[in-house]
C-alpha atoms as a PDB file:
ATOM      1  CA  MET A   1      29.484-164.013-122.731  1.00  0.00           C
ATOM      2  CA  THR A   2      27.571-161.444-120.688  1.00  0.00           C
ATOM      3  CA  GLU A   3      29.199-160.642-117.363  1.00  0.00           C
ATOM      4  CA  PRO A   4      27.297-162.290-114.480  1.00  0.00           C
ATOM      5  CA  THR A   5      26.869-158.957-112.651  1.00  0.00           C
ATOM      6  CA  THR A   6      25.240-157.361-115.674  1.00  0.00           C
ATOM      7  CA  THR A   7      22.975-160.378-116.159  1.00  0.00           C
ATOM      8  CA  ALA A   8      22.071-160.401-112.475  1.00  0.00           C
ATOM      9  CA  GLU A   9      21.097-156.749-112.631  1.00  0.00           C
ATOM     10  CA  ALA A  10      19.011-157.445-115.729  1.00  0.00           C
ATOM     11  CA  ILE A  11      17.217-160.279-113.919  1.00  0.00           C
ATOM     12  CA  LYS A  12      16.309-157.972-111.034  1.00  0.00           C
ATOM     13  CA  ARG A  13      15.093-155.300-113.428  1.00  0.00           C
ATOM     14  CA  ALA A  14      12.992-157.886-115.270  1.00  0.00           C
ATOM     15  CA  LEU A  15      11.328-158.830-111.967  1.00  0.00           C
ATOM     16  CA  GLY A  16      10.772-155.218-110.953  1.00  0.00           C
ATOM     17  CA  ILE A  17      13.125-155.602-107.966  1.00  0.00           C
ATOM     18  CA  THR A  18      14.545-152.382-106.517  1.00  0.00           C
ATOM     19  CA  HIS A  19      15.993-151.565-103.111  1.00  0.00           C
ATOM     20  CA  ALA A  20      16.129-147.794-103.038  1.00  0.00           C
ATOM     21  CA  PRO A  21      13.405-146.300-100.817  1.00  0.00           C
ATOM     22  CA  PRO A  22      10.738-144.419-102.788  1.00  0.00           C
ATOM     23  CA  GLY A  23      10.828-140.629-102.828  1.00  0.00           C
ATOM     24  CA  GLU A  24       7.818-140.400-100.564  1.00  0.00           C
ATOM     25  CA  GLU A  25       6.433-142.609 -97.813  1.00  0.00           C
ATOM     26  CA  VAL A  26       4.350-145.402 -99.311  1.00  0.00           C
ATOM     27  CA  ARG A  27       2.621-148.145 -97.351  1.00  0.00           C
ATOM     28  CA  CYS A  28       3.293-151.803 -98.054  1.00  0.00           C
ATOM     29  CA  VAL A  29       0.639-153.196-100.421  1.00  0.00           C
ATOM     30  CA  VAL A  30       0.063-156.456 -98.491  1.00  0.00           C
ATOM     31  CA  ALA A  31      -3.570-156.460 -97.422  1.00  0.00           C
ATOM     32  CA  HIS A  32      -5.253-159.877 -97.792  1.00  0.00           C
ATOM     33  CA  PRO A  33      -7.374-160.748 -94.705  1.00  0.00           C
ATOM     34  CA  ALA A  34      -6.075-164.335 -94.733  1.00  0.00           C
ATOM     35  CA  ALA A  35      -2.524-162.971 -94.647  1.00  0.00           C
ATOM     36  CA  GLY A  36      -3.176-160.780 -91.613  1.00  0.00           C
ATOM     37  CA  GLY A  37      -4.933-157.811 -93.202  1.00  0.00           C
ATOM     38  CA  PRO A  38      -3.454-154.477 -94.313  1.00  0.00           C
ATOM     39  CA  CYS A  39       0.232-154.065 -93.536  1.00  0.00           C
ATOM     40  CA  LYS A  40       0.889-150.716 -91.866  1.00  0.00           C
ATOM     41  CA  ARG A  41       4.640-150.649 -92.433  1.00  0.00           C
ATOM     42  CA  ILE A  42       6.406-148.278 -94.813  1.00  0.00           C
ATOM     43  CA  ALA A  43       7.514-149.803 -98.119  1.00  0.00           C
ATOM     44  CA  VAL A  44      11.232-149.994 -98.856  1.00  0.00           C
ATOM     45  CA  PRO A  45      11.877-152.471-101.680  1.00  0.00           C
ATOM     46  CA  GLU A  46       9.711-153.204-104.686  1.00  0.00           C
ATOM     47  CA  VAL A  47       9.068-156.589-106.301  1.00  0.00           C
ATOM     48  CA  TYR A  48       7.195-156.773-109.622  1.00  0.00           C
ATOM     49  CA  GLY A  49       7.045-152.991-109.194  1.00  0.00           C
ATOM     50  CA  LEU A  50       4.863-153.312-106.077  1.00  0.00           C
ATOM     51  CA  PRO A  51       5.942-151.432-102.912  1.00  0.00           C
ATOM     52  CA  LEU A  52       6.573-153.742 -99.953  1.00  0.00           C
ATOM     53  CA  CYS A  53       7.922-153.419 -96.435  1.00  0.00           C
ATOM     54  CA  LYS A  54      11.223-155.071 -95.536  1.00  0.00           C
ATOM     55  CA  ALA A  55       9.722-158.355 -94.272  1.00  0.00           C
ATOM     56  CA  HIS A  56       7.196-158.819 -97.074  1.00  0.00           C
ATOM     57  CA  GLY A  57       9.721-157.576 -99.627  1.00  0.00           C
ATOM     58  CA  GLU A  58      12.401-160.089 -98.656  1.00  0.00           C
ATOM     59  CA  GLU A  59       9.943-162.984 -98.891  1.00  0.00           C
ATOM     60  CA  ALA A  60       8.538-161.709-102.197  1.00  0.00           C
ATOM     61  CA  GLU A  61      11.981-161.200-103.743  1.00  0.00           C
ATOM     62  CA  ALA A  62      13.115-164.671-102.681  1.00  0.00           C
ATOM     63  CA  SER A  63       9.931-166.210-104.114  1.00  0.00           C
ATOM     64  CA  ALA A  64      10.221-164.247-107.371  1.00  0.00           C
ATOM     65  CA  LEU A  65      13.803-165.399-107.894  1.00  0.00           C
ATOM     66  CA  ALA A  66      12.956-169.002-106.985  1.00  0.00           C
ATOM     67  CA  GLU A  67      10.008-169.004-109.406  1.00  0.00           C
ATOM     68  CA  LEU A  68      12.212-167.647-112.200  1.00  0.00           C
ATOM     69  CA  ASP A  69      14.858-170.272-111.432  1.00  0.00           C
ATOM     70  CA  GLU A  70      12.245-173.033-111.653  1.00  0.00           C
ATOM     71  CA  ALA A  71      10.797-171.603-114.871  1.00  0.00           C
ATOM     72  CA  ILE A  72      14.214-171.358-116.512  1.00  0.00           C
ATOM     73  CA  GLY A  73      14.999-174.960-115.602  1.00  0.00           C
ATOM     74  CA  PHE A  74      11.649-176.151-116.925  1.00  0.00           C
ATOM     75  CA  TYR A  75      11.905-174.288-120.227  1.00  0.00           C
ATOM     76  CA  LEU A  76      15.526-175.267-120.812  1.00  0.00           C
ATOM     77  CA  ALA A  77      14.803-178.942-120.105  1.00  0.00           C
ATOM     78  CA  ALA A  78      11.826-178.876-122.465  1.00  0.00           C
ATOM     79  CA  ALA A  79      13.715-177.067-125.219  1.00  0.00           C
ATOM     80  CA  THR A  80      16.921-179.121-125.221  1.00  0.00           C
ATOM     81  CA  PRO A  81      15.837-181.760-127.792  1.00  0.00           C
ATOM     82  CA  ALA A  82      14.443-179.119-130.118  1.00  0.00           C
ATOM     83  CA  VAL A  83      17.132-176.425-130.229  1.00  0.00           C
ATOM     84  CA  GLY A  84      20.337-178.307-129.460  1.00  0.00           C
ATOM     85  CA  SER A  85      21.941-178.981-126.115  1.00  0.00           C
ATOM     86  CA  ASP A  86      24.980-176.701-126.634  1.00  0.00           C
ATOM     87  CA  ASP A  87      22.896-173.558-127.064  1.00  0.00           C
ATOM     88  CA  VAL A  88      20.610-174.466-124.216  1.00  0.00           C
ATOM     89  CA  LEU A  89      23.446-175.307-121.831  1.00  0.00           C
ATOM     90  CA  TYR A  90      25.209-172.042-122.688  1.00  0.00           C
ATOM     91  CA  ALA A  91      22.087-169.995-121.972  1.00  0.00           C
ATOM     92  CA  GLY A  92      21.317-172.018-118.862  1.00  0.00           C
ATOM     93  CA  SER A  93      24.841-171.551-117.557  1.00  0.00           C
ATOM     94  CA  ALA A  94      24.710-167.763-117.964  1.00  0.00           C
ATOM     95  CA  LEU A  95      21.317-167.474-116.303  1.00  0.00           C
ATOM     96  CA  GLY A  96      22.280-169.903-113.563  1.00  0.00           C
ATOM     97  CA  GLU A  97      25.440-167.947-112.742  1.00  0.00           C
ATOM     98  CA  ALA A  98      23.446-164.733-112.575  1.00  0.00           C
ATOM     99  CA  LEU A  99      20.821-166.220-110.256  1.00  0.00           C
ATOM    100  CA  GLU A 100      23.527-167.684-108.025  1.00  0.00           C
ATOM    101  CA  ARG A 101      25.163-164.279-107.771  1.00  0.00           C
ATOM    102  CA  VAL A 102      21.878-162.624-106.833  1.00  0.00           C
ATOM    103  CA  LEU A 103      21.185-165.281-104.194  1.00  0.00           C
ATOM    104  CA  ARG A 104      24.713-165.115-102.786  1.00  0.00           C
ATOM    105  CA  ASP A 105      24.089-161.438-102.066  1.00  0.00           C
ATOM    106  CA  ARG A 106      21.100-162.463 -99.950  1.00  0.00           C
ATOM    107  CA  PRO A 107      22.102-165.643 -98.054  1.00  0.00           C
ATOM    108  CA  ARG A 108      18.937-165.717 -95.916  1.00  0.00           C
ATOM    109  CA  PHE A 109      16.951-166.561 -99.052  1.00  0.00           C
ATOM    110  CA  CYS A 110      18.373-170.057 -99.123  1.00  0.00           C
ATOM    111  CA  GLY A 111      19.070-170.525 -95.451  1.00  0.00           C
ATOM    112  CA  ALA A 112      18.041-173.726 -93.723  1.00  0.00           C
ATOM    113  CA  PRO A 113      15.458-174.852 -92.986  1.00  0.00           C
ATOM    114  CA  THR A 114      13.810-174.338 -96.370  1.00  0.00           C
ATOM    115  CA  ASP A 115      10.440-175.297 -97.778  1.00  0.00           C
ATOM    116  CA  ASN A 116      12.275-177.313-100.495  1.00  0.00           C
ATOM    117  CA  GLU A 117      11.514-174.553-103.011  1.00  0.00           C
ATOM    118  CA  GLY A 118      14.632-172.481-102.359  1.00  0.00           C
ATOM    119  CA  VAL A 119      12.960-169.971-100.022  1.00  0.00           C
ATOM    120  CA  SER A 120      13.903-169.845 -96.362  1.00  0.00           C
ATOM    121  CA  GLU A 121      11.076-170.641 -93.949  1.00  0.00           C
ATOM    122  CA  GLU A 122      12.540-167.855 -91.812  1.00  0.00           C
ATOM    123  CA  LEU A 123      11.523-165.337 -94.475  1.00  0.00           C
ATOM    124  CA  THR A 124       7.998-166.718 -94.772  1.00  0.00           C
ATOM    125  CA  THR A 125       7.496-166.706 -90.999  1.00  0.00           C
ATOM    126  CA  ALA A 126       8.862-163.164 -90.661  1.00  0.00           C
ATOM    127  CA  ALA A 127       6.505-161.927 -93.387  1.00  0.00           C
ATOM    128  CA  TYR A 128       3.452-163.946 -92.354  1.00  0.00           C
ATOM    129  CA  PRO A 129       3.613-164.991 -88.677  1.00  0.00           C
ATOM    130  CA  PHE A 130       1.494-167.995 -87.762  1.00  0.00           C
ATOM    131  CA  ALA A 131      -1.916-167.152 -86.342  1.00  0.00           C
ATOM    132  CA  GLU A 132      -4.491-169.853 -85.673  1.00  0.00           C
ATOM    133  CA  GLU A 133      -7.384-167.496 -86.391  1.00  0.00           C
ATOM    134  CA  LEU A 134      -6.091-166.929 -89.930  1.00  0.00           C
ATOM    135  CA  LEU A 135      -5.930-170.623 -90.804  1.00  0.00           C
ATOM    136  CA  ASP A 136      -8.081-171.715 -93.730  1.00  0.00           C
ATOM    137  CA  GLU A 137     -10.950-173.837 -92.383  1.00  0.00           C
ATOM    138  CA  ARG A 138      -9.969-176.695 -94.713  1.00  0.00           C
ATOM    139  CA  THR A 139      -6.505-176.777 -93.165  1.00  0.00           C
ATOM    140  CA  LYS A 140      -7.957-176.892 -89.656  1.00  0.00           C
ATOM    141  CA  THR A 141     -10.074-179.945 -90.458  1.00  0.00           C
ATOM    142  CA  TRP A 142      -7.678-181.741 -92.835  1.00  0.00           C
ATOM    143  CA  THR A 143      -6.688-185.319 -91.966  1.00  0.00           C
ATOM    144  CA  TRP A 144      -5.057-188.136 -93.929  1.00  0.00           C
ATOM    145  CA  ASP A 145      -8.335-190.050 -93.766  1.00  0.00           C
ATOM    146  CA  GLU A 146     -10.522-187.110 -94.791  1.00  0.00           C
ATOM    147  CA  PRO A 147      -8.563-184.686 -96.983  1.00  0.00           C
ATOM    148  CA  THR A 148     -10.451-181.424 -97.469  1.00  0.00           C
ATOM    149  CA  TYR A 149      -8.572-180.034-100.495  1.00  0.00           C
ATOM    150  CA  PRO A 150      -9.167-180.945-104.171  1.00  0.00           C
ATOM    151  CA  TYR A 151      -7.763-184.276-105.374  1.00  0.00           C
ATOM    152  CA  GLY A 152      -6.825-185.194-101.807  1.00  0.00           C
ATOM    153  CA  MET A 153      -3.949-182.695-101.799  1.00  0.00           C
ATOM    154  CA  HIS A 154      -2.011-181.993 -98.619  1.00  0.00           C
ATOM    155  CA  PRO A 155      -2.546-178.385 -97.388  1.00  0.00           C
ATOM    156  CA  VAL A 156       1.141-177.509 -97.900  1.00  0.00           C
ATOM    157  CA  ASP A 157       1.069-178.809-101.474  1.00  0.00           C
ATOM    158  CA  TYR A 158      -2.230-177.111-102.296  1.00  0.00           C
ATOM    159  CA  TRP A 159      -1.118-173.647-101.184  1.00  0.00           C
ATOM    160  CA  ASN A 160       2.345-174.154-102.633  1.00  0.00           C
ATOM    161  CA  GLU A 161       0.861-174.824-106.065  1.00  0.00           C
ATOM    162  CA  ARG A 162      -1.323-171.714-105.793  1.00  0.00           C
ATOM    163  CA  ARG A 163       1.682-169.662-104.717  1.00  0.00           C
ATOM    164  CA  TRP A 164       3.714-170.713-107.761  1.00  0.00           C
ATOM    165  CA  LEU A 165       0.761-170.125-110.074  1.00  0.00           C
ATOM    166  CA  PHE A 166       0.266-166.545-108.875  1.00  0.00           C
ATOM    167  CA  LEU A 167       3.998-165.805-108.869  1.00  0.00           C
ATOM    168  CA  ARG A 168       4.254-166.974-112.475  1.00  0.00           C
ATOM    169  CA  MET A 169       1.243-164.906-113.484  1.00  0.00           C
ATOM    170  CA  MET A 170       2.615-161.828-111.708  1.00  0.00           C
ATOM    171  CA  ARG A 171       5.926-162.110-113.543  1.00  0.00           C
ATOM    172  CA  MET A 172       4.122-162.385-116.869  1.00  0.00           C
ATOM    173  CA  VAL A 173       1.783-159.483-116.086  1.00  0.00           C
ATOM    174  CA  TYR A 174       4.673-157.283-114.946  1.00  0.00           C
ATOM    175  CA  GLN A 175       6.675-157.988-118.085  1.00  0.00           C
ATOM    176  CA  TRP A 176       4.048-158.096-120.799  1.00  0.00           C
ATOM    177  CA  THR A 177       0.644-156.650-119.925  1.00  0.00           C
ATOM    178  CA  PRO A 178      -1.035-153.651-118.288  1.00  0.00           C
ATOM    179  CA  ARG A 179      -0.287-153.525-114.571  1.00  0.00           C
ATOM    180  CA  ASP A 180      -3.807-153.185-113.159  1.00  0.00           C
ATOM    181  CA  LEU A 181      -4.067-156.957-112.755  1.00  0.00           C
ATOM    182  CA  LEU A 182      -0.924-157.092-110.600  1.00  0.00           C
ATOM    183  CA  ARG A 183      -2.634-155.820-107.464  1.00  0.00           C
ATOM    184  CA  ASP A 184      -5.332-158.515-107.634  1.00  0.00           C
ATOM    185  CA  LEU A 185      -2.733-161.221-108.209  1.00  0.00           C
ATOM    186  CA  GLU A 186      -0.648-159.898-105.323  1.00  0.00           C
ATOM    187  CA  LEU A 187      -3.621-160.257-102.975  1.00  0.00           C
ATOM    188  CA  MET A 188      -4.219-163.867-104.029  1.00  0.00           C
ATOM    189  CA  CYS A 189      -0.505-164.630-103.743  1.00  0.00           C
ATOM    190  CA  GLU A 190      -0.420-163.179-100.208  1.00  0.00           C
ATOM    191  CA  GLU A 191      -3.128-165.620 -99.149  1.00  0.00           C
ATOM    192  CA  ALA A 192      -1.329-168.559-100.726  1.00  0.00           C
ATOM    193  CA  VAL A 193       2.054-167.694 -99.183  1.00  0.00           C
ATOM    194  CA  ALA A 194       0.581-167.136 -95.726  1.00  0.00           C
ATOM    195  CA  GLN A 195      -1.607-170.251 -95.744  1.00  0.00           C
ATOM    196  CA  ARG A 196       1.220-172.429 -97.084  1.00  0.00           C
ATOM    197  CA  GLY A 197       3.436-171.155 -94.282  1.00  0.00           C
ATOM    198  CA  PHE A 198       0.758-171.862 -91.678  1.00  0.00           C
ATOM    199  CA  ALA A 199       0.177-175.369 -93.048  1.00  0.00           C
ATOM    200  CA  SER A 200       3.909-176.016 -93.178  1.00  0.00           C
ATOM    201  CA  LYS A 201       4.228-175.105 -89.494  1.00  0.00           C
ATOM    202  CA  LEU A 202       1.404-177.484 -88.535  1.00  0.00           C
ATOM    203  CA  SER A 203       3.047-180.226 -90.594  1.00  0.00           C
ATOM    204  CA  ALA A 204       6.438-179.598 -88.959  1.00  0.00           C
ATOM    205  CA  ASP A 205       4.765-179.645 -85.524  1.00  0.00           C
ATOM    206  CA  GLY A 206       3.482-183.156 -86.282  1.00  0.00           C
ATOM    207  CA  CYS A 207      -0.193-182.189 -86.474  1.00  0.00           C
ATOM    208  CA  TRP A 208      -0.687-184.638 -89.382  1.00  0.00           C
END
């Protein structure tokens, strides 16, 4: 069985996660207007190979690991009847141990209170502080009686789904395809993460 440390390092490499500062000063790539506009801080870590400042990097790394954890669980659950439970459980155990080790090294990732997706709200708020002027207009006018998002979705759920979609696409692009698309996906993911965080705060404040 592969040692958990080795597997954990492989997981971080697969997600383009590094923590050594780049050789030269590079600005954080976060720039979406709905996420607060261009970040002026110097990048330290990278996630999916994209340079990010400390605050945006911690949130992005936590989200990348949580998305991978969800994807592994989904694929293993779907594959169990087809390939045999012993093989699937063995693989799932190894990957699960590795993810746990990675997360144990960064306890704030799973600190309470969480958004029920394994990412600390503290990280989201630090990366994308709430600002009323950045709120999506549909979130401002949303009510239980007159939902403004497709299919009557709650604002938190709508932006959460978009966040997971872009995270999944970014992982796939980083691993398998040319990287030019990553920057566009990162911009869309920034909006989704920020707006989900804003909506979550309004929900926690009892606005709905």
